[in-house]
């Protein structure tokens, strides 16, 4: 479980990937639609999506010629349980956690 948590937290450690997850809260999205609001290349977005998929946070499916991304919210369950074990994160508010990370970590949104 430790390696899985490391992978999830590493994926969440990047502002671009957290924004992608927030976007996918609304609905499944085509990769090109995910890339649209970012000022980085489609190849860079694809690298971010690969990291998110590797952590199990999203899944990708090809529908016709279009690759779609879907949020996998259950992938955060282990991380949530781990954080709750500290008691101070009861219940885990992922929006507040994201704001905390954004304040504490330098913005490396151009780095996959």
C-alpha atoms as a PDB file:
ATOM      1  CA  UNK A   1       0.000   0.000   0.000  1.00  0.00           C
ATOM      2  CA  UNK A   2       2.917   2.373   0.681  1.00  0.00           C
ATOM      3  CA  UNK A   3       4.062   2.329  -2.954  1.00  0.00           C
ATOM      4  CA  UNK A   4       0.501   3.010  -4.116  1.00  0.00           C
ATOM      5  CA  UNK A   5       0.187   5.967  -1.720  1.00  0.00           C
ATOM      6  CA  UNK A   6       3.530   7.318  -2.932  1.00  0.00           C
ATOM      7  CA  UNK A   7       2.288   7.153  -6.518  1.00  0.00           C
ATOM      8  CA  UNK A   8      -1.023   8.854  -5.686  1.00  0.00           C
ATOM      9  CA  UNK A   9       0.589  11.659  -3.689  1.00  0.00           C
ATOM     10  CA  UNK A  10       3.251  12.167  -6.372  1.00  0.00           C
ATOM     11  CA  UNK A  11       0.486  12.522  -8.966  1.00  0.00           C
ATOM     12  CA  UNK A  12      -1.375  14.992  -6.737  1.00  0.00           C
ATOM     13  CA  UNK A  13       1.805  16.988  -6.152  1.00  0.00           C
ATOM     14  CA  UNK A  14       1.504  18.817  -9.464  1.00  0.00           C
ATOM     15  CA  UNK A  15      -0.854  21.782  -9.954  1.00  0.00           C
ATOM     16  CA  UNK A  16      -1.665  20.889 -13.563  1.00  0.00           C
ATOM     17  CA  UNK A  17      -2.670  17.353 -12.601  1.00  0.00           C
ATOM     18  CA  UNK A  18      -4.832  18.635  -9.744  1.00  0.00           C
ATOM     19  CA  UNK A  19      -6.570  21.020 -12.177  1.00  0.00           C
ATOM     20  CA  UNK A  20      -7.168  18.131 -14.574  1.00  0.00           C
ATOM     21  CA  UNK A  21      -8.752  16.082 -11.781  1.00  0.00           C
ATOM     22  CA  UNK A  22     -10.952  19.045 -10.864  1.00  0.00           C
ATOM     23  CA  UNK A  23     -12.071  19.363 -14.474  1.00  0.00           C
ATOM     24  CA  UNK A  24     -12.900  15.654 -14.623  1.00  0.00           C
ATOM     25  CA  UNK A  25     -15.148  15.992 -11.564  1.00  0.00           C
ATOM     26  CA  UNK A  26     -17.744  17.464 -13.909  1.00  0.00           C
ATOM     27  CA  UNK A  27     -17.767  14.752 -16.575  1.00  0.00           C
ATOM     28  CA  UNK A  28     -15.637  12.551 -18.815  1.00  0.00           C
ATOM     29  CA  UNK A  29     -13.579  14.603 -21.255  1.00  0.00           C
ATOM     30  CA  UNK A  30     -11.741  14.047 -24.505  1.00  0.00           C
ATOM     31  CA  UNK A  31      -7.982  14.536 -24.218  1.00  0.00           C
ATOM     32  CA  UNK A  32      -8.129  17.554 -26.542  1.00  0.00           C
ATOM     33  CA  UNK A  33     -10.781  19.147 -24.301  1.00  0.00           C
ATOM     34  CA  UNK A  34      -8.622  18.497 -21.234  1.00  0.00           C
ATOM     35  CA  UNK A  35      -5.696  20.219 -22.949  1.00  0.00           C
ATOM     36  CA  UNK A  36      -7.670  23.267 -24.110  1.00  0.00           C
ATOM     37  CA  UNK A  37      -7.399  25.515 -21.018  1.00  0.00           C
ATOM     38  CA  UNK A  38      -3.669  24.879 -20.543  1.00  0.00           C
ATOM     39  CA  UNK A  39      -0.867  26.809 -22.159  1.00  0.00           C
ATOM     40  CA  UNK A  40       1.264  23.706 -22.702  1.00  0.00           C
ATOM     41  CA  UNK A  41       1.582  21.218 -25.535  1.00  0.00           C
ATOM     42  CA  UNK A  42      -0.746  18.290 -26.094  1.00  0.00           C
ATOM     43  CA  UNK A  43       2.288  16.033 -25.547  1.00  0.00           C
ATOM     44  CA  UNK A  44       2.818  17.561 -22.085  1.00  0.00           C
ATOM     45  CA  UNK A  45      -0.863  17.056 -21.232  1.00  0.00           C
ATOM     46  CA  UNK A  46      -0.563  13.445 -22.389  1.00  0.00           C
ATOM     47  CA  UNK A  47       2.350  12.953 -19.982  1.00  0.00           C
ATOM     48  CA  UNK A  48       0.267  14.366 -17.134  1.00  0.00           C
ATOM     49  CA  UNK A  49      -2.607  12.058 -18.074  1.00  0.00           C
ATOM     50  CA  UNK A  50      -0.249   9.069 -18.150  1.00  0.00           C
ATOM     51  CA  UNK A  51       0.898   9.885 -14.613  1.00  0.00           C
ATOM     52  CA  UNK A  52      -2.700  10.248 -13.408  1.00  0.00           C
ATOM     53  CA  UNK A  53      -3.672   6.964 -15.076  1.00  0.00           C
ATOM     54  CA  UNK A  54      -0.615   5.229 -13.605  1.00  0.00           C
ATOM     55  CA  UNK A  55      -1.756   6.337 -10.141  1.00  0.00           C
ATOM     56  CA  UNK A  56      -5.237   4.991 -10.896  1.00  0.00           C
ATOM     57  CA  UNK A  57      -6.768   8.457 -10.507  1.00  0.00           C
ATOM     58  CA  UNK A  58      -8.166   8.444 -14.030  1.00  0.00           C
ATOM     59  CA  UNK A  59      -8.915   5.881 -16.675  1.00  0.00           C
ATOM     60  CA  UNK A  60      -8.652   6.401 -20.412  1.00  0.00           C
ATOM     61  CA  UNK A  61     -10.775   4.815 -23.090  1.00  0.00           C
ATOM     62  CA  UNK A  62     -10.712   5.129 -26.847  1.00  0.00           C
ATOM     63  CA  UNK A  63     -14.157   5.812 -28.341  1.00  0.00           C
ATOM     64  CA  UNK A  64     -13.842   5.834 -32.079  1.00  0.00           C
ATOM     65  CA  UNK A  65     -10.910   8.093 -32.873  1.00  0.00           C
ATOM     66  CA  UNK A  66     -11.148  10.042 -29.628  1.00  0.00           C
ATOM     67  CA  UNK A  67      -9.421   9.187 -26.353  1.00  0.00           C
ATOM     68  CA  UNK A  68     -11.589   9.971 -23.317  1.00  0.00           C
ATOM     69  CA  UNK A  69     -10.549  10.500 -19.701  1.00  0.00           C
ATOM     70  CA  UNK A  70     -12.656   9.561 -16.711  1.00  0.00           C
ATOM     71  CA  UNK A  71     -12.083  10.360 -13.045  1.00  0.00           C
ATOM     72  CA  UNK A  72     -11.686   7.301 -10.806  1.00  0.00           C
ATOM     73  CA  UNK A  73     -12.617   8.781  -7.404  1.00  0.00           C
ATOM     74  CA  UNK A  74     -12.189   5.496  -5.518  1.00  0.00           C
ATOM     75  CA  UNK A  75      -8.446   5.751  -6.179  1.00  0.00           C
ATOM     76  CA  UNK A  76      -8.267   8.457  -3.507  1.00  0.00           C
ATOM     77  CA  UNK A  77      -9.813   6.189  -0.874  1.00  0.00           C
ATOM     78  CA  UNK A  78      -6.496   4.819   0.479  1.00  0.00           C
ATOM     79  CA  UNK A  79      -4.997   8.314   0.631  1.00  0.00           C
ATOM     80  CA  UNK A  80      -8.093   9.599   2.416  1.00  0.00           C
ATOM     81  CA  UNK A  81      -7.986   6.772   4.955  1.00  0.00           C
ATOM     82  CA  UNK A  82      -4.282   7.378   5.529  1.00  0.00           C
ATOM     83  CA  UNK A  83      -4.828  11.110   6.136  1.00  0.00           C
ATOM     84  CA  UNK A  84      -7.791  10.475   8.444  1.00  0.00           C
ATOM     85  CA  UNK A  85      -5.576   8.304  10.638  1.00  0.00           C
ATOM     86  CA  UNK A  86      -3.891  11.521  11.776  1.00  0.00           C
ATOM     87  CA  UNK A  87      -7.180  12.810  13.161  1.00  0.00           C
ATOM     88  CA  UNK A  88      -6.545  16.409  12.145  1.00  0.00           C
ATOM     89  CA  UNK A  89      -7.967  15.748   8.681  1.00  0.00           C
ATOM     90  CA  UNK A  90     -11.426  14.643   9.816  1.00  0.00           C
ATOM     91  CA  UNK A  91     -13.234  14.421   7.413  1.00  0.00           C
ATOM     92  CA  UNK A  92     -10.833  14.971   4.547  1.00  0.00           C
ATOM     93  CA  UNK A  93     -11.770  18.020   2.538  1.00  0.00           C
ATOM     94  CA  UNK A  94      -9.908  17.527  -0.737  1.00  0.00           C
ATOM     95  CA  UNK A  95     -10.591  21.103  -1.865  1.00  0.00           C
ATOM     96  CA  UNK A  96      -8.973  22.456   1.299  1.00  0.00           C
ATOM     97  CA  UNK A  97      -6.125  19.970   0.897  1.00  0.00           C
ATOM     98  CA  UNK A  98      -5.560  21.175  -2.675  1.00  0.00           C
ATOM     99  CA  UNK A  99      -5.502  24.807  -1.500  1.00  0.00           C
ATOM    100  CA  UNK A 100      -3.008  23.851   1.216  1.00  0.00           C
ATOM    101  CA  UNK A 101      -0.757  22.100  -1.315  1.00  0.00           C
ATOM    102  CA  UNK A 102      -1.006  25.045  -3.698  1.00  0.00           C
ATOM    103  CA  UNK A 103       0.207  27.378  -0.946  1.00  0.00           C
ATOM    104  CA  UNK A 104       2.974  25.086   0.304  1.00  0.00           C
ATOM    105  CA  UNK A 105       4.386  23.786  -2.980  1.00  0.00           C
ATOM    106  CA  UNK A 106       5.957  25.887  -5.719  1.00  0.00           C
ATOM    107  CA  UNK A 107       3.922  26.060  -8.902  1.00  0.00           C
ATOM    108  CA  UNK A 108       5.536  23.741 -11.453  1.00  0.00           C
ATOM    109  CA  UNK A 109       2.550  23.613 -13.797  1.00  0.00           C
ATOM    110  CA  UNK A 110       4.807  23.452 -16.867  1.00  0.00           C
ATOM    111  CA  UNK A 111       6.610  20.343 -15.629  1.00  0.00           C
ATOM    112  CA  UNK A 112       4.920  16.931 -16.176  1.00  0.00           C
END
